[in-house]
Amino acid sequence: MGRTGRQTRAEAPWRILLALLCVLLVVVLGAVQVAHTHADGADHADCALCAAAHVSVHPIHAPSPAPATAVVATLEALPPAVLPRALATFALFTRPPPPVADIFPA
């Protein structure tokens, strides 16, 4: 069935601890990646941290401007169609219903 308030409160501390652990891992590993060096001072192609530090986007060429367009023809906008505001009624259905006295004589 549904969860009670006690079960949700009992599960909350481990969720908060898990979230804090994830944030701490991101911060620590980010600092390790930035501060990573080798004893010889060179970058190594087989080192995953060195490879990740040098990954960036390099555009091949500058984006070209949009091509100029020429007006070939002008179009005229038609006026909006006028629609009837009321529904059409059926022409053969114009009389009111008969009085109740004619249907059920007393």
Protein backbone atom coordinates (compact mmCIF):
# COMPACT_ATOMS: atom_id res chain seq x y z
CA MET A 1 0.00 0.00 0.00
CA GLY A 2 1.16 3.56 0.59
CA ARG A 3 4.14 4.68 2.60
CA THR A 4 3.71 6.16 6.00
CA GLY A 5 5.45 9.29 7.22
CA ARG A 6 7.73 7.28 9.50
CA GLN A 7 9.15 5.19 6.63
CA THR A 8 9.91 8.29 4.56
CA ARG A 9 11.66 10.01 7.48
CA ALA A 10 13.66 6.85 8.20
CA GLU A 11 14.88 6.66 4.58
CA ALA A 12 15.77 10.36 4.30
CA PRO A 13 19.18 10.26 6.10
CA TRP A 14 20.74 7.71 3.73
CA ARG A 15 19.47 9.67 0.71
CA ILE A 16 20.99 12.87 2.04
CA LEU A 17 24.26 11.08 2.78
CA LEU A 18 24.30 9.59 -0.73
CA ALA A 19 23.73 13.01 -2.29
CA LEU A 20 26.51 14.56 -0.19
CA LEU A 21 28.85 11.71 -1.13
CA CYS A 22 28.17 12.32 -4.84
CA VAL A 23 28.84 16.05 -4.50
CA LEU A 24 32.02 15.37 -2.53
CA LEU A 25 33.24 12.92 -5.20
CA VAL A 26 32.68 15.45 -7.98
CA VAL A 27 34.57 18.16 -6.08
CA VAL A 28 37.49 15.92 -5.08
CA LEU A 29 37.89 14.31 -8.51
CA GLY A 30 37.67 17.70 -10.20
CA ALA A 31 40.45 19.01 -7.99
CA VAL A 32 42.57 15.90 -8.68
CA GLN A 33 42.09 16.35 -12.42
CA VAL A 34 43.17 20.00 -12.29
CA ALA A 35 46.15 19.39 -10.00
CA HIS A 36 47.33 16.26 -11.82
CA THR A 37 51.01 16.29 -12.81
CA HIS A 38 53.69 13.75 -13.71
CA ALA A 39 57.21 13.54 -12.28
CA ASP A 40 58.78 14.31 -15.64
CA GLY A 41 56.42 17.25 -16.26
CA ALA A 42 55.14 15.93 -19.60
CA ASP A 43 51.64 14.96 -20.67
CA HIS A 44 51.17 11.28 -21.32
CA ALA A 45 48.81 10.08 -24.04
CA ASP A 46 48.01 6.89 -22.13
CA CYS A 47 47.02 8.78 -18.95
CA ALA A 48 43.25 9.17 -18.70
CA LEU A 49 43.51 12.32 -16.58
CA CYS A 50 45.89 13.97 -19.06
CA ALA A 51 43.60 13.07 -21.95
CA ALA A 52 40.53 14.43 -20.16
CA ALA A 53 42.33 17.69 -19.29
CA HIS A 54 43.04 18.45 -22.95
CA VAL A 55 39.61 17.67 -24.34
CA SER A 56 37.94 20.77 -25.69
CA VAL A 57 35.92 21.85 -28.72
CA HIS A 58 38.02 23.16 -31.59
CA PRO A 59 35.98 24.70 -34.39
CA ILE A 60 37.37 23.84 -37.82
CA HIS A 61 36.46 27.22 -39.34
CA ALA A 62 34.50 30.30 -38.44
CA PRO A 63 30.79 30.02 -39.08
CA SER A 64 29.78 31.54 -42.40
CA PRO A 65 27.15 34.28 -42.49
CA ALA A 66 23.68 33.49 -43.74
CA PRO A 67 23.31 33.87 -47.49
CA ALA A 68 21.56 36.98 -48.79
CA THR A 69 18.09 36.45 -50.14
CA ALA A 70 16.35 38.29 -52.95
CA VAL A 71 12.64 39.04 -53.18
CA VAL A 72 11.23 37.11 -56.15
CA ALA A 73 7.54 37.96 -55.84
CA THR A 74 5.21 39.61 -53.39
CA LEU A 75 2.11 37.87 -52.12
CA GLU A 76 -1.13 39.55 -51.15
CA ALA A 77 -2.88 38.28 -48.09
CA LEU A 78 -6.55 37.43 -48.65
CA PRO A 79 -9.05 38.89 -46.20
CA PRO A 80 -10.16 36.40 -43.57
CA ALA A 81 -13.27 34.41 -44.43
CA VAL A 82 -16.44 35.62 -42.73
CA LEU A 83 -18.00 32.75 -40.86
CA PRO A 84 -21.61 32.77 -39.59
CA ARG A 85 -21.90 33.55 -35.90
CA ALA A 86 -24.89 31.24 -35.31
CA LEU A 87 -25.56 27.68 -36.32
CA ALA A 88 -27.96 27.17 -39.20
CA THR A 89 -31.33 25.70 -38.20
CA PHE A 90 -33.15 22.98 -40.05
CA ALA A 91 -35.82 24.64 -42.18
CA LEU A 92 -38.51 21.95 -41.62
CA PHE A 93 -38.19 22.07 -37.83
CA THR A 94 -39.81 25.42 -37.06
CA ARG A 95 -43.00 24.63 -35.11
CA PRO A 96 -42.99 24.28 -31.32
CA PRO A 97 -43.98 21.00 -29.68
CA PRO A 98 -47.69 20.42 -29.10
CA PRO A 99 -49.17 21.39 -25.74
CA VAL A 100 -49.33 18.70 -23.05
CA ALA A 101 -53.14 18.82 -23.00
CA ASP A 102 -53.31 17.57 -26.62
CA ILE A 103 -51.09 14.59 -25.85
CA PHE A 104 -52.73 13.47 -22.61
CA PRO A 105 -56.45 14.36 -22.67
CA ALA A 106 -58.00 14.66 -19.24
